[in-house]
Amino acid sequence: MRTHRIARRRAGWALTAALAVALTGCQSMRDGGVGDPPADDDVAPGGIPAVAGAPLLQLSFSGGFVPMGWDFANVPSLTVYEDGRAIVPGPVIAIYPGPALPNLQVEQISDDDLAAIVAAAREAGLLAAPPDYGMPNVTDVPTTFVTVTVDGQTYEHAAYALGMVDGEGGPGMGGEGWPAADAGLTEDQAAARATLAEFIQTANELVGASGDGEPYPIEALAMFARPVDTNVEGAVAPETQVVPWPLETALADAAECTVVEGDAAQALLAALASANQATLFEQDGVTYGAWFRPLLPHEDGCAALG
């Protein structure tokens, strides 16, 4: 399970943003959808059967040299459903430590923009087996994951360090980065990466998140916790606060991904409203660090997080 691997990552910081995209069920869109399911001989190679309930579009990133729990708690930067709901991280106050939970917001996009996202994926050639995206000569940065699901087929793409090579429109680089040859990429690999980056930019522009959407109503959270030895020098930062754990759920049993839902989730959300990313929790005389990941509408447990 991915949550086992995440729990073992140690301190650091993310150097670049990457994304994961999931597009699903064109034929099931409102009023009959974008198009009819393709004939068997029209399905691109490399697809696998679609997972029921997957969102139309999802963008996220994972990996790199990041602190423990960062990957686990990281919410996709964009999730779009067939009804036009778009869930995005909203503005967050620029302080350290930051809030314990992301400011998730819900935007609404039109049917035309939903159809345009699918059309852009087709034009980019994402409804097919992935090309070779190469491996740039850089270490400890995230990988972009792109999973496209259309007409009952899912196609998975992954591009390491997307945004760091010239032509990939990397954030903070003015669209410029290393020359492809210096990064160890062939012309075909560089072209595939540029196409993927252009699709991601198009999808974000079509959603056009304004930052003033409705708050996303969190109904369940995934979490895991680890004991912290507060007697070890440097284990606890000066700004760290230690507060009582608000639930009956045993933190000692939460060394792996655990889901909190219902009344317990609402009680935890109330407690986290005054917590931050450095907050520790005390239960039965033991102090724990804990990490939290709000579940999105299509996620029903830890297995859904990968």
Protein backbone atom coordinates (compact mmCIF):
# COMPACT_ATOMS: atom_id res chain seq x y z
CA MET A 1 0.00 0.00 0.00
CA ARG A 2 1.25 3.46 -0.89
CA THR A 3 0.56 4.70 2.66
CA HIS A 4 3.18 2.31 3.99
CA ARG A 5 5.80 3.87 1.72
CA ILE A 6 4.73 7.42 2.47
CA ALA A 7 5.10 6.92 6.19
CA ARG A 8 8.79 6.19 5.75
CA ARG A 9 9.74 9.39 3.89
CA ARG A 10 11.85 11.87 5.86
CA ALA A 11 12.37 15.63 6.04
CA GLY A 12 12.96 17.81 3.03
CA TRP A 13 10.99 20.03 0.71
CA ALA A 14 9.27 19.78 -2.65
CA LEU A 15 11.03 21.46 -5.57
CA THR A 16 8.35 21.42 -8.25
CA ALA A 17 4.66 20.75 -8.79
CA ALA A 18 3.40 17.76 -10.68
CA LEU A 19 -0.06 16.51 -11.39
CA ALA A 20 -2.34 13.50 -11.72
CA VAL A 21 -5.29 13.48 -14.06
CA ALA A 22 -8.29 11.12 -14.16
CA LEU A 23 -10.92 11.53 -16.86
CA THR A 24 -13.88 9.18 -16.80
CA GLY A 25 -17.17 8.28 -18.40
CA CYS A 26 -17.59 10.60 -21.40
CA GLN A 27 -20.63 8.69 -22.57
CA SER A 28 -22.34 9.14 -19.20
CA MET A 29 -22.19 12.95 -19.19
CA ARG A 30 -25.44 14.84 -19.01
CA ASP A 31 -27.87 14.59 -21.95
CA GLY A 32 -26.13 11.60 -23.45
CA GLY A 33 -22.56 12.70 -23.06
CA VAL A 34 -19.81 13.75 -25.40
CA GLY A 35 -19.93 10.72 -27.66
CA ASP A 36 -20.83 7.08 -28.09
CA PRO A 37 -18.56 4.36 -26.70
CA PRO A 38 -16.00 3.32 -29.31
CA ALA A 39 -16.09 0.00 -31.08
CA ASP A 40 -13.71 -2.64 -29.73
CA ASP A 41 -11.24 -2.06 -32.55
CA ASP A 42 -11.26 1.70 -31.86
CA VAL A 43 -10.00 1.41 -28.28
CA ALA A 44 -6.39 2.56 -28.01
CA PRO A 45 -3.86 -0.03 -26.80
CA GLY A 46 -2.65 0.06 -23.24
CA GLY A 47 -5.98 0.74 -21.56
CA ILE A 48 -7.36 -1.04 -18.51
CA PRO A 49 -11.01 -1.23 -17.39
CA ALA A 50 -12.22 1.96 -15.75
CA VAL A 51 -12.79 2.07 -12.00
CA ALA A 52 -16.39 2.89 -11.10
CA GLY A 53 -16.87 6.30 -9.51
CA ALA A 54 -13.61 7.81 -10.74
CA PRO A 55 -13.70 11.58 -11.28
CA LEU A 56 -13.74 13.10 -14.71
CA LEU A 57 -10.46 14.88 -14.05
CA GLN A 58 -7.91 14.78 -11.26
CA LEU A 59 -4.55 16.50 -10.97
CA SER A 60 -2.07 15.81 -8.20
CA PHE A 61 1.61 15.15 -7.60
CA SER A 62 3.65 12.82 -5.44
CA GLY A 63 7.18 11.89 -4.44
CA GLY A 64 10.40 13.80 -4.11
CA PHE A 65 12.36 14.93 -1.08
CA VAL A 66 9.52 15.88 1.27
CA PRO A 67 8.82 15.64 5.01
CA MET A 68 7.22 12.60 6.56
CA GLY A 69 3.49 12.67 5.97
CA TRP A 70 3.59 15.32 3.26
CA ASP A 71 2.68 12.95 0.42
CA PHE A 72 0.02 11.29 2.54
CA ALA A 73 -1.73 14.55 3.42
CA ASN A 74 -1.33 16.12 -0.04
CA VAL A 75 -4.74 16.62 -1.67
CA PRO A 76 -4.97 16.65 -5.50
CA SER A 77 -4.66 20.15 -6.90
CA LEU A 78 -7.78 19.67 -9.01
CA THR A 79 -10.61 17.14 -9.04
CA VAL A 80 -13.51 17.53 -11.47
CA TYR A 81 -16.67 15.40 -11.47
CA GLU A 82 -19.23 14.75 -14.21
CA ASP A 83 -21.73 17.13 -12.62
CA GLY A 84 -19.25 19.99 -13.02
CA ARG A 85 -18.06 20.20 -9.43
CA ALA A 86 -14.38 21.10 -9.24
CA ILE A 87 -12.61 20.64 -5.90
CA VAL A 88 -9.46 22.74 -5.56
CA PRO A 89 -7.19 23.92 -2.74
CA GLY A 90 -8.11 27.53 -2.01
CA PRO A 91 -5.92 30.32 -0.65
CA VAL A 92 -3.97 29.55 2.53
CA ILE A 93 -2.53 32.10 4.92
CA ALA A 94 1.24 32.49 4.40
CA ILE A 95 2.49 31.54 7.84
CA TYR A 96 4.61 28.77 9.34
CA PRO A 97 3.48 26.36 10.55
CA GLY A 98 0.52 26.33 8.18
CA PRO A 99 -3.01 25.12 8.97
CA ALA A 100 -3.44 21.43 9.75
CA LEU A 101 -5.89 20.98 6.87
CA PRO A 102 -6.03 22.42 3.35
CA ASN A 103 -8.61 25.05 2.44
CA LEU A 104 -10.60 22.93 -0.03
CA GLN A 105 -13.16 24.74 -2.15
CA VAL A 106 -15.83 23.67 -4.62
CA GLU A 107 -16.18 25.50 -7.94
CA GLN A 108 -18.75 24.77 -10.69
CA ILE A 109 -17.82 24.51 -14.36
CA SER A 110 -20.04 24.25 -17.44
CA ASP A 111 -20.90 21.26 -19.62
CA ASP A 112 -19.01 22.91 -22.47
CA ASP A 113 -15.85 23.13 -20.37
CA LEU A 114 -16.24 19.50 -19.30
CA ALA A 115 -16.46 18.47 -22.95
CA ALA A 116 -13.47 20.67 -23.80
CA ILE A 117 -11.34 18.91 -21.18
CA VAL A 118 -12.10 15.54 -22.77
CA ALA A 119 -11.43 16.93 -26.25
CA ALA A 120 -8.08 18.31 -25.08
CA ALA A 121 -7.11 14.90 -23.69
CA ARG A 122 -7.92 13.27 -27.02
CA GLU A 123 -5.99 15.88 -28.98
CA ALA A 124 -2.98 15.44 -26.69
CA GLY A 125 -2.98 11.71 -27.39
CA LEU A 126 -3.58 10.81 -23.75
CA LEU A 127 -6.22 8.21 -24.61
CA ALA A 128 -3.53 5.72 -25.52
CA ALA A 129 -0.63 3.83 -24.03
CA PRO A 130 1.86 6.35 -22.61
CA PRO A 131 4.91 7.41 -24.59
CA ASP A 132 8.39 7.47 -23.10
CA TYR A 133 8.59 10.64 -20.97
CA GLY A 134 12.23 10.10 -20.10
CA MET A 135 14.08 10.65 -16.83
CA PRO A 136 15.67 14.10 -16.45
CA ASN A 137 19.03 14.34 -14.67
CA VAL A 138 17.67 15.70 -11.40
CA THR A 139 17.01 14.00 -8.07
CA ASP A 140 14.42 14.24 -5.30
CA VAL A 141 11.63 16.02 -7.19
CA PRO A 142 8.01 14.92 -7.70
CA THR A 143 6.58 12.83 -10.51
CA THR A 144 3.55 13.92 -12.51
CA PHE A 145 0.92 11.17 -12.75
CA VAL A 146 -1.75 11.44 -15.44
CA THR A 147 -4.52 8.87 -15.47
CA VAL A 148 -7.12 9.33 -18.20
CA THR A 149 -10.35 7.33 -18.18
CA VAL A 150 -12.71 7.71 -21.13
CA ASP A 151 -15.31 5.36 -22.62
CA GLY A 152 -14.66 2.70 -20.01
CA GLN A 153 -10.87 2.59 -20.51
CA THR A 154 -8.15 3.98 -18.26
CA TYR A 155 -4.73 5.11 -19.52
CA GLU A 156 -1.92 5.90 -17.09
CA HIS A 157 0.92 8.35 -17.73
CA ALA A 158 3.81 9.40 -15.49
CA ALA A 159 6.44 12.09 -16.09
CA TYR A 160 9.20 12.65 -13.57
CA ALA A 161 10.24 16.27 -12.84
CA LEU A 162 7.70 17.73 -15.24
CA GLY A 163 8.12 21.50 -15.41
CA MET A 164 11.89 21.59 -15.03
CA VAL A 165 12.83 21.21 -18.70
CA ASP A 166 12.59 23.89 -21.38
CA GLY A 167 9.18 23.93 -23.05
CA GLU A 168 7.30 22.49 -20.08
CA GLY A 169 6.10 25.79 -18.64
CA GLY A 170 7.53 25.18 -15.20
CA PRO A 171 6.27 27.40 -12.35
CA GLY A 172 8.56 30.28 -11.54
CA MET A 173 10.69 29.69 -14.64
CA GLY A 174 8.77 31.81 -17.14
CA GLY A 175 8.24 28.68 -19.18
CA GLU A 176 11.97 28.02 -19.42
CA GLY A 177 14.14 25.39 -17.82
CA TRP A 178 17.04 23.13 -18.75
CA PRO A 179 17.60 22.42 -22.42
CA ALA A 180 16.24 18.95 -23.12
CA ALA A 181 19.60 17.60 -24.22
CA ASP A 182 21.28 18.81 -21.02
CA ALA A 183 18.53 17.10 -19.01
CA GLY A 184 19.28 13.81 -20.74
CA LEU A 185 16.10 13.73 -22.86
CA THR A 186 15.65 12.78 -26.48
CA GLU A 187 13.64 14.98 -28.86
CA ASP A 188 10.71 12.55 -28.72
CA GLN A 189 10.74 12.49 -24.92
CA ALA A 190 10.89 16.29 -24.74
CA ALA A 191 7.99 16.60 -27.19
CA ALA A 192 5.86 14.13 -25.19
CA ARG A 193 6.53 16.02 -21.97
CA ALA A 194 5.69 19.37 -23.55
CA THR A 195 2.39 17.96 -24.84
CA LEU A 196 1.51 16.62 -21.41
CA ALA A 197 2.36 19.95 -19.76
CA GLU A 198 0.26 21.83 -22.33
CA PHE A 199 -2.74 19.61 -21.61
CA ILE A 200 -2.40 20.25 -17.87
CA GLN A 201 -2.28 24.00 -18.48
CA THR A 202 -5.35 23.79 -20.73
CA ALA A 203 -7.30 21.79 -18.12
CA ASN A 204 -6.47 24.30 -15.40
CA GLU A 205 -7.49 27.19 -17.63
CA LEU A 206 -10.81 25.52 -18.49
CA VAL A 207 -11.60 25.04 -14.81
CA GLY A 208 -10.47 28.58 -14.03
CA ALA A 209 -10.61 28.25 -10.24
CA SER A 210 -11.22 31.70 -8.77
CA GLY A 211 -10.21 31.00 -5.18
CA ASP A 212 -13.59 32.10 -3.85
CA GLY A 213 -15.60 28.89 -4.22
CA GLU A 214 -17.82 27.28 -1.59
CA PRO A 215 -16.04 25.43 1.24
CA TYR A 216 -15.78 21.69 0.60
CA PRO A 217 -17.77 19.82 3.29
CA ILE A 218 -15.33 17.23 4.68
CA GLU A 219 -17.19 14.12 5.84
CA ALA A 220 -14.27 11.73 6.41
CA LEU A 221 -10.50 11.88 6.83
CA ALA A 222 -7.67 9.42 6.43
CA MET A 223 -4.91 9.69 9.01
CA PHE A 224 -1.87 8.01 10.43
CA ALA A 225 0.22 8.74 13.53
CA ARG A 226 3.68 8.04 14.91
CA PRO A 227 5.03 8.44 18.47
CA VAL A 228 7.43 11.36 19.02
CA ASP A 229 10.15 11.22 21.68
CA THR A 230 9.93 14.74 23.08
CA ASN A 231 13.07 14.11 25.19
CA VAL A 232 15.30 13.93 22.11
CA GLU A 233 16.98 17.25 21.33
CA GLY A 234 15.54 18.75 18.16
CA ALA A 235 12.59 16.36 18.00
CA VAL A 236 10.15 19.13 18.86
CA ALA A 237 10.41 22.62 17.36
CA PRO A 238 9.97 25.66 19.63
CA GLU A 239 6.68 26.57 17.92
CA THR A 240 5.18 23.10 18.47
CA GLN A 241 2.06 22.80 20.59
CA VAL A 242 0.99 19.55 22.25
CA VAL A 243 -2.77 19.11 22.71
CA PRO A 244 -4.97 16.28 23.97
CA TRP A 245 -6.14 13.83 21.30
CA PRO A 246 -9.88 14.50 20.92
CA LEU A 247 -11.08 11.02 19.89
CA GLU A 248 -11.39 7.56 21.41
CA THR A 249 -9.57 6.20 18.35
CA ALA A 250 -6.22 4.89 19.63
CA LEU A 251 -3.28 6.68 18.05
CA ALA A 252 -1.18 3.66 18.98
CA ASP A 253 -3.23 1.67 16.44
CA ALA A 254 -2.93 4.30 13.68
CA ALA A 255 0.60 3.54 12.47
CA GLU A 256 -0.93 2.85 9.07
CA CYS A 257 -3.69 4.65 7.19
CA THR A 258 -6.89 4.82 9.27
CA VAL A 259 -10.21 6.39 8.27
CA VAL A 260 -12.18 8.63 10.65
CA GLU A 261 -15.77 9.33 9.63
CA GLY A 262 -19.22 10.27 10.97
CA ASP A 263 -19.43 12.04 14.34
CA ALA A 264 -15.78 11.24 15.06
CA ALA A 265 -14.73 13.05 11.88
CA GLN A 266 -16.70 16.14 12.84
CA ALA A 267 -15.17 16.15 16.32
CA LEU A 268 -11.70 15.82 14.81
CA LEU A 269 -12.38 18.66 12.35
CA ALA A 270 -13.41 20.90 15.24
CA ALA A 271 -10.15 20.13 17.05
CA LEU A 272 -8.03 20.64 13.93
CA ALA A 273 -9.53 24.07 13.33
CA SER A 274 -7.13 25.46 15.96
CA ALA A 275 -4.23 23.12 15.12
CA ASN A 276 -1.41 23.53 12.61
CA GLN A 277 1.06 21.33 10.77
CA ALA A 278 3.41 21.27 13.78
CA THR A 279 0.75 20.33 16.34
CA LEU A 280 1.40 17.14 18.30
CA PHE A 281 -1.23 15.09 20.13
CA GLU A 282 -1.04 13.45 23.54
CA GLN A 283 -2.91 10.25 24.38
CA ASP A 284 -2.35 7.94 27.36
CA GLY A 285 0.89 9.68 28.24
CA VAL A 286 2.40 9.32 24.75
CA THR A 287 2.97 12.17 22.29
CA TYR A 288 2.25 11.59 18.60
CA GLY A 289 2.73 13.34 15.31
CA ALA A 290 -0.31 12.87 13.08
CA TRP A 291 -1.11 13.58 9.44
CA PHE A 292 -4.56 14.05 7.95
CA ARG A 293 -6.00 13.72 4.43
CA PRO A 294 -9.63 14.76 3.75
CA LEU A 295 -11.39 12.16 1.62
CA LEU A 296 -12.94 13.38 -1.62
CA PRO A 297 -16.46 12.30 -2.73
CA HIS A 298 -15.24 9.30 -4.75
CA GLU A 299 -12.83 8.07 -2.06
CA ASP A 300 -14.27 5.52 0.36
CA GLY A 301 -11.21 4.47 2.32
CA CYS A 302 -7.44 4.14 2.45
CA ALA A 303 -7.27 1.85 -0.58
CA ALA A 304 -8.70 4.66 -2.72
CA LEU A 305 -5.65 6.82 -1.93
CA GLY A 306 -3.34 4.45 -3.79
